[in-house]
C-alpha atoms as a PDB file:
ATOM      1  CA  MET A   1      -6.104 -54.358  -9.439  1.00  0.00           C
ATOM      2  CA  GLY A   2      -3.170 -52.935  -7.918  1.00  0.00           C
ATOM      3  CA  ARG A   3      -2.494 -50.823 -10.341  1.00  0.00           C
ATOM      4  CA  LYS A   4      -5.646 -50.260 -11.066  1.00  0.00           C
ATOM      5  CA  ASN A   5      -6.391 -48.870  -8.121  1.00  0.00           C
ATOM      6  CA  GLY A   6      -2.935 -47.141  -7.690  1.00  0.00           C
ATOM      7  CA  LYS A   7      -3.970 -45.225 -11.332  1.00  0.00           C
ATOM      8  CA  GLN A   8      -6.961 -44.186  -9.416  1.00  0.00           C
ATOM      9  CA  ARG A   9      -5.953 -42.603  -6.493  1.00  0.00           C
ATOM     10  CA  THR A  10      -2.947 -41.415  -8.930  1.00  0.00           C
ATOM     11  CA  ASN A  11      -6.404 -39.484 -11.331  1.00  0.00           C
ATOM     12  CA  GLU A  12      -7.654 -38.427  -7.679  1.00  0.00           C
ATOM     13  CA  ASP A  13      -5.166 -37.071  -6.594  1.00  0.00           C
ATOM     14  CA  ARG A  14      -4.247 -35.067 -10.099  1.00  0.00           C
ATOM     15  CA  ASN A  15      -8.046 -33.920  -9.930  1.00  0.00           C
ATOM     16  CA  VAL A  16      -7.943 -32.695  -5.765  1.00  0.00           C
ATOM     17  CA  SER A  17      -4.458 -30.900  -7.028  1.00  0.00           C
ATOM     18  CA  GLU A  18      -6.657 -29.119  -9.699  1.00  0.00           C
ATOM     19  CA  ALA A  19      -9.500 -28.806  -7.959  1.00  0.00           C
ATOM     20  CA  ASN A  20      -7.297 -26.856  -5.631  1.00  0.00           C
ATOM     21  CA  GLY A  21      -5.533 -24.541  -7.701  1.00  0.00           C
ATOM     22  CA  LYS A  22      -8.855 -23.791  -9.235  1.00  0.00           C
ATOM     23  CA  LEU A  23     -10.085 -22.412  -5.780  1.00  0.00           C
ATOM     24  CA  GLU A  24      -6.172 -20.634  -5.613  1.00  0.00           C
ATOM     25  CA  ASP A  25      -7.727 -18.345  -9.039  1.00  0.00           C
ATOM     26  CA  ASP A  26     -10.945 -18.388  -7.711  1.00  0.00           C
ATOM     27  CA  VAL A  27      -9.996 -16.687  -4.292  1.00  0.00           C
ATOM     28  CA  ASP A  28      -7.127 -14.304  -6.636  1.00  0.00           C
ATOM     29  CA  ALA A  29     -10.051 -13.088  -8.811  1.00  0.00           C
ATOM     30  CA  LEU A  30     -11.967 -12.226  -5.299  1.00  0.00           C
ATOM     31  CA  PHE A  31      -9.147  -9.949  -3.805  1.00  0.00           C
ATOM     32  CA  ARG A  32      -8.833  -8.668  -8.102  1.00  0.00           C
ATOM     33  CA  LEU A  33     -12.380  -7.425  -8.172  1.00  0.00           C
ATOM     34  CA  PRO A  34     -14.169  -3.756  -7.438  1.00  0.00           C
ATOM     35  CA  LEU A  35     -14.138  -3.451  -3.594  1.00  0.00           C
ATOM     36  CA  ALA A  36     -18.027  -2.794  -4.039  1.00  0.00           C
ATOM     37  CA  GLU A  37     -17.982  -6.216  -5.787  1.00  0.00           C
ATOM     38  CA  PHE A  38     -16.494  -8.247  -3.411  1.00  0.00           C
ATOM     39  CA  THR A  39     -19.048  -9.836  -0.881  1.00  0.00           C
ATOM     40  CA  ALA A  40     -21.359 -10.469  -3.674  1.00  0.00           C
ATOM     41  CA  ALA A  41     -18.902 -12.803  -5.390  1.00  0.00           C
ATOM     42  CA  ARG A  42     -17.192 -14.216  -2.198  1.00  0.00           C
ATOM     43  CA  ASN A  43     -20.777 -15.699  -1.110  1.00  0.00           C
ATOM     44  CA  THR A  44     -21.675 -16.536  -4.677  1.00  0.00           C
ATOM     45  CA  LEU A  45     -18.469 -18.748  -4.726  1.00  0.00           C
ATOM     46  CA  ALA A  46     -18.813 -20.246  -1.277  1.00  0.00           C
ATOM     47  CA  GLY A  47     -21.935 -21.051  -2.462  1.00  0.00           C
ATOM     48  CA  ARG A  48     -21.253 -22.872  -5.696  1.00  0.00           C
ATOM     49  CA  LEU A  49     -18.550 -24.551  -3.324  1.00  0.00           C
ATOM     50  CA  LYS A  50     -20.694 -26.056  -1.297  1.00  0.00           C
ATOM     51  CA  GLN A  51     -23.729 -27.124  -3.759  1.00  0.00           C
ATOM     52  CA  GLY A  52     -20.596 -28.970  -5.387  1.00  0.00           C
ATOM     53  CA  GLY A  53     -20.077 -30.820  -2.217  1.00  0.00           C
ATOM     54  CA  ARG A  54     -16.585 -29.030  -0.708  1.00  0.00           C
ATOM     55  CA  GLY A  55     -17.877 -27.388   2.590  1.00  0.00           C
ATOM     56  CA  ASN A  56     -14.958 -27.136   4.178  1.00  0.00           C
ATOM     57  CA  GLU A  57     -13.731 -24.898   1.419  1.00  0.00           C
ATOM     58  CA  ALA A  58     -16.759 -23.070   1.109  1.00  0.00           C
ATOM     59  CA  ASP A  59     -16.970 -22.261   4.987  1.00  0.00           C
ATOM     60  CA  PHE A  60     -12.877 -21.387   4.023  1.00  0.00           C
ATOM     61  CA  VAL A  61     -13.897 -18.698   1.222  1.00  0.00           C
ATOM     62  CA  LYS A  62     -17.090 -17.302   3.574  1.00  0.00           C
ATOM     63  CA  ALA A  63     -15.187 -16.625   6.422  1.00  0.00           C
ATOM     64  CA  LEU A  64     -12.759 -14.413   3.859  1.00  0.00           C
ATOM     65  CA  VAL A  65     -13.434 -10.505   5.355  1.00  0.00           C
ATOM     66  CA  LYS A  66     -14.019  -7.534   2.724  1.00  0.00           C
ATOM     67  CA  PRO A  67     -10.876  -5.209   2.587  1.00  0.00           C
ATOM     68  CA  SER A  68     -10.765  -2.273   3.785  1.00  0.00           C
ATOM     69  CA  ILE A  69     -10.095   0.647   1.406  1.00  0.00           C
ATOM     70  CA  SER A  70      -6.678   1.079   2.412  1.00  0.00           C
ATOM     71  CA  ALA A  71      -5.661  -2.764   1.980  1.00  0.00           C
ATOM     72  CA  TRP A  72      -7.705  -2.846  -0.820  1.00  0.00           C
ATOM     73  CA  ALA A  73      -5.125  -0.472  -2.770  1.00  0.00           C
ATOM     74  CA  VAL A  74      -2.660  -1.998  -2.029  1.00  0.00           C
ATOM     75  CA  ASN A  75      -3.824  -5.525  -3.152  1.00  0.00           C
ATOM     76  CA  GLN A  76      -4.476  -3.411  -6.514  1.00  0.00           C
ATOM     77  CA  LEU A  77      -0.856  -1.909  -6.354  1.00  0.00           C
ATOM     78  CA  TYR A  78       0.468  -6.214  -6.280  1.00  0.00           C
ATOM     79  CA  TRP A  79      -2.031  -7.337  -8.807  1.00  0.00           C
ATOM     80  CA  LYS A  80      -1.886  -4.350 -11.521  1.00  0.00           C
ATOM     81  CA  HIS A  81       1.903  -2.999 -11.246  1.00  0.00           C
ATOM     82  CA  ARG A  82       3.948  -5.805  -9.685  1.00  0.00           C
ATOM     83  CA  GLU A  83       6.974  -4.804 -11.590  1.00  0.00           C
ATOM     84  CA  ALA A  84       6.553  -1.595  -9.055  1.00  0.00           C
ATOM     85  CA  PHE A  85       5.628  -3.534  -6.312  1.00  0.00           C
ATOM     86  CA  ASN A  86       7.874  -5.930  -6.526  1.00  0.00           C
ATOM     87  CA  ARG A  87      10.612  -3.415  -7.105  1.00  0.00           C
ATOM     88  CA  LEU A  88      10.079  -2.068  -3.492  1.00  0.00           C
ATOM     89  CA  ILE A  89      10.191  -5.747  -1.730  1.00  0.00           C
ATOM     90  CA  ALA A  90      13.632  -6.042  -3.844  1.00  0.00           C
ATOM     91  CA  THR A  91      14.469  -2.514  -2.002  1.00  0.00           C
ATOM     92  CA  GLY A  92      13.840  -4.448   1.594  1.00  0.00           C
ATOM     93  CA  GLU A  93      15.999  -7.387   0.548  1.00  0.00           C
ATOM     94  CA  ARG A  94      18.603  -4.843  -0.053  1.00  0.00           C
ATOM     95  CA  PHE A  95      18.697  -2.811   3.115  1.00  0.00           C
ATOM     96  CA  ARG A  96      18.733  -6.224   4.706  1.00  0.00           C
ATOM     97  CA  HIS A  97      21.782  -6.770   2.899  1.00  0.00           C
ATOM     98  CA  ALA A  98      23.559  -3.473   3.747  1.00  0.00           C
ATOM     99  CA  GLN A  99      22.740  -4.544   7.702  1.00  0.00           C
ATOM    100  CA  THR A 100      25.197  -7.621   7.606  1.00  0.00           C
ATOM    101  CA  SER A 101      27.867  -5.921   5.316  1.00  0.00           C
ATOM    102  CA  ARG A 102      31.104  -4.895   6.509  1.00  0.00           C
ATOM    103  CA  LEU A 103      31.302  -1.433   8.521  1.00  0.00           C
ATOM    104  CA  THR A 104      33.003   0.631   6.106  1.00  0.00           C
ATOM    105  CA  ARG A 105      30.291   0.161   3.038  1.00  0.00           C
ATOM    106  CA  LYS A 106      27.356  -0.574   5.715  1.00  0.00           C
ATOM    107  CA  VAL A 107      26.583   2.991   6.072  1.00  0.00           C
ATOM    108  CA  ALA A 108      26.846   4.264   2.179  1.00  0.00           C
ATOM    109  CA  ASP A 109      25.013   0.773   1.032  1.00  0.00           C
ATOM    110  CA  MET A 110      22.075   1.374   4.027  1.00  0.00           C
ATOM    111  CA  ARG A 111      21.540   5.328   2.902  1.00  0.00           C
ATOM    112  CA  GLY A 112      21.363   3.566  -1.094  1.00  0.00           C
ATOM    113  CA  ALA A 113      18.676   1.116  -0.009  1.00  0.00           C
ATOM    114  CA  LEU A 114      16.417   3.237   1.864  1.00  0.00           C
ATOM    115  CA  ASP A 115      16.657   6.402  -1.334  1.00  0.00           C
ATOM    116  CA  ALA A 116      15.592   3.737  -3.335  1.00  0.00           C
ATOM    117  CA  ARG A 117      12.797   2.806  -0.926  1.00  0.00           C
ATOM    118  CA  ARG A 118      11.892   6.080  -0.771  1.00  0.00           C
ATOM    119  CA  GLU A 119      11.425   6.446  -4.197  1.00  0.00           C
ATOM    120  CA  ALA A 120       9.702   3.447  -4.875  1.00  0.00           C
ATOM    121  CA  LEU A 121       7.605   4.012  -2.061  1.00  0.00           C
ATOM    122  CA  SER A 122       6.649   7.670  -3.255  1.00  0.00           C
ATOM    123  CA  HIS A 123       5.939   5.748  -6.868  1.00  0.00           C
ATOM    124  CA  LEU A 124       3.558   3.442  -5.162  1.00  0.00           C
ATOM    125  CA  SER A 125       1.537   6.166  -3.119  1.00  0.00           C
ATOM    126  CA  ASP A 126       1.459   7.453  -6.631  1.00  0.00           C
ATOM    127  CA  LEU A 127      -0.202   4.770  -8.453  1.00  0.00           C
ATOM    128  CA  ALA A 128      -2.676   3.969  -5.799  1.00  0.00           C
ATOM    129  CA  THR A 129      -3.862   7.694  -5.700  1.00  0.00           C
ATOM    130  CA  ALA A 130      -4.436   7.052  -9.176  1.00  0.00           C
ATOM    131  CA  LEU A 131      -6.460   3.521  -8.482  1.00  0.00           C
ATOM    132  CA  LEU A 132      -8.713   4.980  -5.768  1.00  0.00           C
ATOM    133  CA  ARG A 133      -9.548   7.694  -7.817  1.00  0.00           C
ATOM    134  CA  GLU A 134      -9.804   6.063 -11.302  1.00  0.00           C
ATOM    135  CA  ALA A 135     -12.484   2.994  -8.566  1.00  0.00           C
ATOM    136  CA  GLY A 136     -14.524   6.394  -7.364  1.00  0.00           C
ATOM    137  CA  HIS A 137     -12.503   6.388  -3.783  1.00  0.00           C
ATOM    138  CA  ASN A 138     -11.631   9.544  -2.332  1.00  0.00           C
ATOM    139  CA  PRO A 139      -7.629   9.160  -1.844  1.00  0.00           C
ATOM    140  CA  THR A 140      -7.187  11.250   1.872  1.00  0.00           C
ATOM    141  CA  PRO A 141      -4.080  11.733   3.051  1.00  0.00           C
ATOM    142  CA  ASP A 142      -4.844   9.138   5.772  1.00  0.00           C
ATOM    143  CA  THR A 143      -5.708   6.025   3.761  1.00  0.00           C
ATOM    144  CA  ILE A 144      -2.686   7.111   1.730  1.00  0.00           C
ATOM    145  CA  HIS A 145      -0.239   6.822   4.800  1.00  0.00           C
ATOM    146  CA  ARG A 146      -2.087   3.827   5.526  1.00  0.00           C
ATOM    147  CA  ILE A 147      -1.304   2.386   2.186  1.00  0.00           C
ATOM    148  CA  THR A 148       2.344   3.818   2.455  1.00  0.00           C
ATOM    149  CA  THR A 149       2.952   2.170   5.701  1.00  0.00           C
ATOM    150  CA  THR A 150       1.330  -1.581   4.929  1.00  0.00           C
ATOM    151  CA  ILE A 151       3.363  -1.911   1.364  1.00  0.00           C
ATOM    152  CA  GLU A 152       6.916  -0.523   3.488  1.00  0.00           C
ATOM    153  CA  ALA A 153       5.649  -3.348   6.312  1.00  0.00           C
ATOM    154  CA  MET A 154       5.126  -5.829   3.335  1.00  0.00           C
ATOM    155  CA  SER A 155       8.793  -5.156   1.807  1.00  0.00           C
ATOM    156  CA  ALA A 156      10.106  -5.741   5.152  1.00  0.00           C
ATOM    157  CA  TYR A 157       8.110  -9.299   6.120  1.00  0.00           C
ATOM    158  CA  THR A 158       9.286 -10.652   2.785  1.00  0.00           C
ATOM    159  CA  SER A 159      12.039 -12.587   4.727  1.00  0.00           C
ATOM    160  CA  LEU A 160       9.079 -13.470   7.485  1.00  0.00           C
ATOM    161  CA  PRO A 161       7.757 -16.806   7.736  1.00  0.00           C
ATOM    162  CA  ASP A 162       5.065 -15.360   9.095  1.00  0.00           C
ATOM    163  CA  ALA A 163       4.569 -12.409   6.279  1.00  0.00           C
ATOM    164  CA  PRO A 164       0.956 -11.282   4.924  1.00  0.00           C
ATOM    165  CA  ARG A 165       0.181 -12.932   1.829  1.00  0.00           C
ATOM    166  CA  PRO A 166       0.136 -10.319  -1.104  1.00  0.00           C
ATOM    167  CA  GLY A 167      -2.558  -9.678  -3.193  1.00  0.00           C
ATOM    168  CA  ARG A 168      -5.041 -11.261  -0.599  1.00  0.00           C
ATOM    169  CA  LEU A 169      -4.717  -8.398   2.418  1.00  0.00           C
ATOM    170  CA  THR A 170      -7.685  -8.059   4.687  1.00  0.00           C
ATOM    171  CA  HIS A 171      -6.654  -5.056   7.086  1.00  0.00           C
ATOM    172  CA  ASP A 172      -3.216  -2.685   7.216  1.00  0.00           C
ATOM    173  CA  VAL A 173      -0.043  -3.907   8.101  1.00  0.00           C
ATOM    174  CA  ASP A 174       2.597  -2.518  10.502  1.00  0.00           C
ATOM    175  CA  PRO A 175       6.016  -3.118  10.002  1.00  0.00           C
ATOM    176  CA  PRO A 176       7.351  -6.215  12.062  1.00  0.00           C
ATOM    177  CA  GLY A 177       9.372  -6.159  15.380  1.00  0.00           C
ATOM    178  CA  PHE A 178      12.816  -5.550  16.170  1.00  0.00           C
ATOM    179  CA  GLU A 179      12.793  -9.032  17.558  1.00  0.00           C
ATOM    180  CA  SER A 180      11.883 -10.540  14.026  1.00  0.00           C
ATOM    181  CA  MET A 181      14.078  -8.165  11.878  1.00  0.00           C
ATOM    182  CA  ALA A 182      17.023  -9.223  13.938  1.00  0.00           C
ATOM    183  CA  SER A 183      16.668 -13.048  14.096  1.00  0.00           C
ATOM    184  CA  LEU A 184      16.592 -12.699  10.015  1.00  0.00           C
ATOM    185  CA  ILE A 185      20.187 -10.738  11.068  1.00  0.00           C
ATOM    186  CA  PRO A 186      22.984 -13.272  11.047  1.00  0.00           C
ATOM    187  CA  GLY A 187      25.618 -13.181  13.384  1.00  0.00           C
ATOM    188  CA  ALA A 188      28.574 -12.433  11.366  1.00  0.00           C
ATOM    189  CA  GLY A 189      31.158 -11.317  13.598  1.00  0.00           C
ATOM    190  CA  MET A 190      30.585 -14.025  15.602  1.00  0.00           C
ATOM    191  CA  ARG A 191      30.890 -16.299  12.729  1.00  0.00           C
ATOM    192  CA  GLU A 192      34.244 -14.639  11.851  1.00  0.00           C
ATOM    193  CA  LEU A 193      35.366 -15.334  15.386  1.00  0.00           C
ATOM    194  CA  ARG A 194      34.941 -18.820  15.095  1.00  0.00           C
ATOM    195  CA  LYS A 195      36.428 -19.688  11.729  1.00  0.00           C
ATOM    196  CA  GLU A 196      39.540 -17.606  12.851  1.00  0.00           C
ATOM    197  CA  PRO A 197      42.385 -20.240  13.891  1.00  0.00           C
ATOM    198  CA  ALA A 198      43.632 -20.669  17.290  1.00  0.00           C
ATOM    199  CA  ARG A 199      46.907 -19.581  18.664  1.00  0.00           C
ATOM    200  CA  VAL A 200      48.284 -22.727  20.123  1.00  0.00           C
ATOM    201  CA  PRO A 201      51.077 -21.631  22.488  1.00  0.00           C
ATOM    202  CA  SER A 202      54.181 -23.216  23.744  1.00  0.00           C
ATOM    203  CA  LEU A 203      53.086 -23.056  26.837  1.00  0.00           C
ATOM    204  CA  GLN A 204      50.111 -24.969  28.686  1.00  0.00           C
ATOM    205  CA  LYS A 205      49.427 -22.130  31.301  1.00  0.00           C
ATOM    206  CA  SER A 206      49.440 -20.042  28.144  1.00  0.00           C
ATOM    207  CA  GLY A 207      47.001 -22.402  26.489  1.00  0.00           C
ATOM    208  CA  ARG A 208      44.409 -22.084  28.859  1.00  0.00           C
ATOM    209  CA  ALA A 209      44.840 -18.274  29.272  1.00  0.00           C
ATOM    210  CA  ALA A 210      44.342 -17.810  25.569  1.00  0.00           C
ATOM    211  CA  THR A 211      41.312 -20.199  25.688  1.00  0.00           C
ATOM    212  CA  SER A 212      39.796 -18.234  28.094  1.00  0.00           C
ATOM    213  CA  THR A 213      40.493 -15.303  26.437  1.00  0.00           C
ATOM    214  CA  ARG A 214      38.372 -16.057  23.438  1.00  0.00           C
ATOM    215  CA  ARG A 215      35.820 -17.705  25.352  1.00  0.00           C
ATOM    216  CA  LYS A 216      35.244 -13.659  26.875  1.00  0.00           C
ATOM    217  CA  ALA A 217      35.943 -12.652  23.353  1.00  0.00           C
ATOM    218  CA  GLU A 218      33.381 -14.772  21.541  1.00  0.00           C
ATOM    219  CA  PRO A 219      30.508 -13.362  23.519  1.00  0.00           C
ATOM    220  CA  ALA A 220      31.720  -9.999  23.517  1.00  0.00           C
ATOM    221  CA  ALA A 221      32.134  -9.838  19.844  1.00  0.00           C
ATOM    222  CA  GLY A 222      28.614 -11.378  19.703  1.00  0.00           C
ATOM    223  CA  VAL A 223      27.397  -8.107  21.658  1.00  0.00           C
ATOM    224  CA  ARG A 224      29.045  -5.668  19.894  1.00  0.00           C
ATOM    225  CA  GLN A 225      27.237  -7.167  17.050  1.00  0.00           C
ATOM    226  CA  LEU A 226      23.867  -6.931  18.484  1.00  0.00           C
ATOM    227  CA  GLU A 227      24.556  -3.496  19.402  1.00  0.00           C
ATOM    228  CA  GLU A 228      25.648  -2.416  16.184  1.00  0.00           C
ATOM    229  CA  THR A 229      22.309  -4.402  14.359  1.00  0.00           C
ATOM    230  CA  ARG A 230      20.514  -2.278  17.173  1.00  0.00           C
ATOM    231  CA  GLN A 231      21.673   1.020  16.270  1.00  0.00           C
ATOM    232  CA  THR A 232      21.529   0.333  12.846  1.00  0.00           C
ATOM    233  CA  THR A 233      18.638  -1.220  12.898  1.00  0.00           C
ATOM    234  CA  ILE A 234      17.176   1.875  15.597  1.00  0.00           C
ATOM    235  CA  ALA A 235      18.666   4.067  12.393  1.00  0.00           C
ATOM    236  CA  ALA A 236      16.971   2.554   9.783  1.00  0.00           C
ATOM    237  CA  ALA A 237      13.729   3.255  12.376  1.00  0.00           C
ATOM    238  CA  LYS A 238      14.595   6.840  12.598  1.00  0.00           C
ATOM    239  CA  GLY A 239      15.289   6.840   8.515  1.00  0.00           C
ATOM    240  CA  SER A 240      12.101   5.461   8.055  1.00  0.00           C
ATOM    241  CA  LEU A 241       9.828   7.868  10.624  1.00  0.00           C
ATOM    242  CA  GLN A 242      11.604  10.849   9.088  1.00  0.00           C
ATOM    243  CA  GLU A 243      10.455   9.146   5.940  1.00  0.00           C
ATOM    244  CA  ALA A 244       6.739   9.032   6.574  1.00  0.00           C
ATOM    245  CA  LYS A 245       6.735  12.265   8.190  1.00  0.00           C
ATOM    246  CA  SER A 246       8.000  13.495   4.515  1.00  0.00           C
ATOM    247  CA  LEU A 247       5.546  11.718   2.871  1.00  0.00           C
ATOM    248  CA  LEU A 248       3.105  13.355   5.688  1.00  0.00           C
ATOM    249  CA  ILE A 249       4.334  16.420   5.019  1.00  0.00           C
ATOM    250  CA  GLU A 250       3.711  16.446   1.547  1.00  0.00           C
ATOM    251  CA  ALA A 251       0.091  14.599   1.690  1.00  0.00           C
ATOM    252  CA  ARG A 252      -0.649  17.490   3.575  1.00  0.00           C
ATOM    253  CA  ALA A 253       0.472  20.041   1.660  1.00  0.00           C
ATOM    254  CA  ARG A 254      -1.025  17.916  -1.574  1.00  0.00           C
ATOM    255  CA  SER A 255      -4.628  18.194   0.767  1.00  0.00           C
ATOM    256  CA  GLN A 256      -4.110  21.544   1.002  1.00  0.00           C
ATOM    257  CA  SER A 257      -3.321  22.651  -2.510  1.00  0.00           C
ATOM    258  CA  LEU A 258      -6.389  20.240  -3.473  1.00  0.00           C
ATOM    259  CA  GLU A 259      -8.604  21.919  -1.554  1.00  0.00           C
ATOM    260  CA  THR A 260      -7.698  25.383  -1.895  1.00  0.00           C
ATOM    261  CA  ALA A 261      -8.273  24.552  -5.674  1.00  0.00           C
ATOM    262  CA  GLN A 262     -11.525  22.763  -4.615  1.00  0.00           C
ATOM    263  CA  ARG A 263     -12.724  26.250  -3.083  1.00  0.00           C
ATOM    264  CA  LYS A 264     -11.423  28.137  -6.094  1.00  0.00           C
ATOM    265  CA  ALA A 265     -13.294  25.684  -8.822  1.00  0.00           C
ATOM    266  CA  HIS A 266     -16.236  26.132  -6.812  1.00  0.00           C
ATOM    267  CA  ALA A 267     -16.487  29.857  -6.747  1.00  0.00           C
ATOM    268  CA  GLU A 268     -15.708  29.681 -10.401  1.00  0.00           C
ATOM    269  CA  ALA A 269     -18.712  27.498 -10.761  1.00  0.00           C
ATOM    270  CA  LYS A 270     -20.811  30.005  -8.435  1.00  0.00           C
ATOM    271  CA  GLU A 271     -20.138  32.573 -10.120  1.00  0.00           C
ATOM    272  CA  ALA A 272     -20.699  30.767 -13.820  1.00  0.00           C
ATOM    273  CA  GLU A 273     -23.719  29.694 -12.396  1.00  0.00           C
ATOM    274  CA  LYS A 274     -24.839  33.248 -11.829  1.00  0.00           C
ATOM    275  CA  GLN A 275     -23.711  34.304 -14.820  1.00  0.00           C
ATOM    276  CA  ARG A 276     -25.763  31.482 -16.254  1.00  0.00           C
ATOM    277  CA  ARG A 277     -28.855  32.505 -14.735  1.00  0.00           C
ATOM    278  CA  GLU A 278     -28.140  36.530 -15.628  1.00  0.00           C
ATOM    279  CA  ALA A 279     -27.951  35.597 -18.927  1.00  0.00           C
ATOM    280  CA  GLU A 280     -31.133  33.506 -18.881  1.00  0.00           C
ATOM    281  CA  GLU A 281     -32.616  36.687 -17.572  1.00  0.00           C
ATOM    282  CA  ARG A 282     -30.962  38.818 -20.588  1.00  0.00           C
ATOM    283  CA  PHE A 283     -32.238  36.734 -22.578  1.00  0.00           C
ATOM    284  CA  GLU A 284     -35.936  36.063 -21.525  1.00  0.00           C
ATOM    285  CA  LYS A 285     -36.061  40.085 -21.388  1.00  0.00           C
ATOM    286  CA  ALA A 286     -34.907  40.002 -24.528  1.00  0.00           C
ATOM    287  CA  ARG A 287     -37.423  36.794 -25.623  1.00  0.00           C
ATOM    288  CA  VAL A 288     -39.863  39.015 -24.181  1.00  0.00           C
ATOM    289  CA  ALA A 289     -38.953  42.117 -26.018  1.00  0.00           C
ATOM    290  CA  SER A 290     -38.779  40.447 -29.249  1.00  0.00           C
ATOM    291  CA  GLU A 291     -42.435  39.417 -29.328  1.00  0.00           C
ATOM    292  CA  ASP A 292     -43.354  42.693 -28.309  1.00  0.00           C
ATOM    293  CA  ALA A 293     -41.863  44.373 -31.113  1.00  0.00           C
ATOM    294  CA  ALA A 294     -42.625  41.636 -33.406  1.00  0.00           C
ATOM    295  CA  ARG A 295     -46.540  42.091 -32.338  1.00  0.00           C
ATOM    296  CA  ARG A 296     -46.225  45.897 -33.120  1.00  0.00           C
ATOM    297  CA  THR A 297     -44.558  45.423 -36.550  1.00  0.00           C
ATOM    298  CA  ARG A 298     -47.546  43.472 -37.235  1.00  0.00           C
ATOM    299  CA  SER A 299     -49.964  45.814 -35.914  1.00  0.00           C
ATOM    300  CA  VAL A 300     -48.138  48.553 -37.387  1.00  0.00           C
ATOM    301  CA  ALA A 301     -48.229  46.613 -40.912  1.00  0.00           C
ATOM    302  CA  ILE A 302     -52.281  46.272 -40.247  1.00  0.00           C
ATOM    303  CA  GLU A 303     -53.034  50.196 -39.329  1.00  0.00           C
ATOM    304  CA  VAL A 304     -50.278  50.414 -42.255  1.00  0.00           C
ATOM    305  CA  GLU A 305     -52.541  48.669 -44.869  1.00  0.00           C
ATOM    306  CA  GLU A 306     -55.296  49.660 -43.560  1.00  0.00           C
ATOM    307  CA  ALA A 307     -54.003  53.335 -44.178  1.00  0.00           C
ATOM    308  CA  ALA A 308     -53.165  52.727 -47.415  1.00  0.00           C
ATOM    309  CA  LYS A 309     -56.979  51.806 -48.075  1.00  0.00           C
ATOM    310  CA  ALA A 310     -57.829  54.276 -46.538  1.00  0.00           C
ATOM    311  CA  VAL A 311     -56.132  56.798 -48.999  1.00  0.00           C
ATOM    312  CA  HIS A 312     -57.132  54.255 -51.554  1.00  0.00           C
ATOM    313  CA  ASP A 313     -60.487  54.612 -51.134  1.00  0.00           C
ATOM    314  CA  ALA A 314     -60.478  58.543 -50.128  1.00  0.00           C
ATOM    315  CA  LYS A 315     -58.184  59.474 -53.691  1.00  0.00           C
ATOM    316  CA  ARG A 316     -61.632  57.560 -55.287  1.00  0.00           C
ATOM    317  CA  THR A 317     -64.039  59.417 -53.345  1.00  0.00           C
ATOM    318  CA  VAL A 318     -62.008  62.321 -54.598  1.00  0.00           C
ATOM    319  CA  GLU A 319     -61.740  62.003 -57.988  1.00  0.00           C
ATOM    320  CA  LYS A 320     -65.860  60.693 -58.078  1.00  0.00           C
ATOM    321  CA  ALA A 321     -66.225  64.305 -56.271  1.00  0.00           C
ATOM    322  CA  SER A 322     -63.941  66.033 -59.170  1.00  0.00           C
ATOM    323  CA  LYS A 323     -65.791  64.391 -61.669  1.00  0.00           C
ATOM    324  CA  GLU A 324     -68.900  65.421 -60.220  1.00  0.00           C
ATOM    325  CA  LEU A 325     -68.018  68.720 -59.569  1.00  0.00           C
ATOM    326  CA  GLU A 326     -66.757  68.703 -63.954  1.00  0.00           C
ATOM    327  CA  LEU A 327     -70.383  67.605 -64.765  1.00  0.00           C
ATOM    328  CA  LEU A 328     -72.005  70.677 -62.522  1.00  0.00           C
ATOM    329  CA  PHE A 329     -70.258  73.427 -63.672  1.00  0.00           C
ATOM    330  CA  ARG A 330     -70.682  71.732 -67.220  1.00  0.00           C
ATOM    331  CA  ARG A 331     -74.455  72.187 -66.463  1.00  0.00           C
ATOM    332  CA  LEU A 332     -74.491  75.797 -65.729  1.00  0.00           C
ATOM    333  CA  PRO A 333     -76.058  78.930 -67.424  1.00  0.00           C
ATOM    334  CA  GLY A 334     -73.813  80.154 -70.164  1.00  0.00           C
ATOM    335  CA  ARG A 335     -71.168  77.019 -70.098  1.00  0.00           C
END
């Protein structure tokens, strides 16, 4: 009986696990849909769960918030361009490793990490623009800026315990604060001081002095490491700010270029419409003139036919008159 109950519990646990896995897949499928279809599909899924007696899960699904347009675009980058998305996440890991490297390598490593992140961000920004256009949305500079900020924040959040879940964003994500980032950076300098073997002087007084010096040195080294980390993070933040400004300038330039192209296309469309109307007017005039000419041709043809008949009749009349005249001449006396 106990074995039977144990087997029954195992089957129940397996069924629960499979149901949970199916729910995860269903929720992921919601966030992969076109934005306009999210609400209806969410309500349908919640209703199906409720009818199946899974009220808690139905409440969870019903509470899912429809993503903003920028959050939706970032979700689509995750689902449709995972390789490019993961490449950006990897640049965030590389940047954090560069922060903990030795000082002689730190600047070069951070510069390389920032260059790689800038390239990954630019590529994802272009992909997001294409995704929005394909879905019928307008990729405004503000929307692209919010998308770029969110995916940059995702690369920074990847090692944090409270990181947003990729592919299921409902709103824009801001980069983590300094405290969150600093907690990820180990105090490498303090560990090295603790691992360094202590010198053992011959005199007890010297030993106490050395111990006191080490105790003072350890906090000082920690402070220096934290200050160095703070300066590194500030430099990275400045780099990110400069990068964001560059992206904004590029977006504005792109927007101005598109607006200029739009104005030009609008002017060309107006000119083409004007020419079309003029061509239609010319065609209408030509059609009317052609119909008038055709009518005149038919009228002239009728007149020519009538004139030809009149000529024929006149000719017969002349011939008849000539014969009658000839007969009269023959009847005259002496003829």
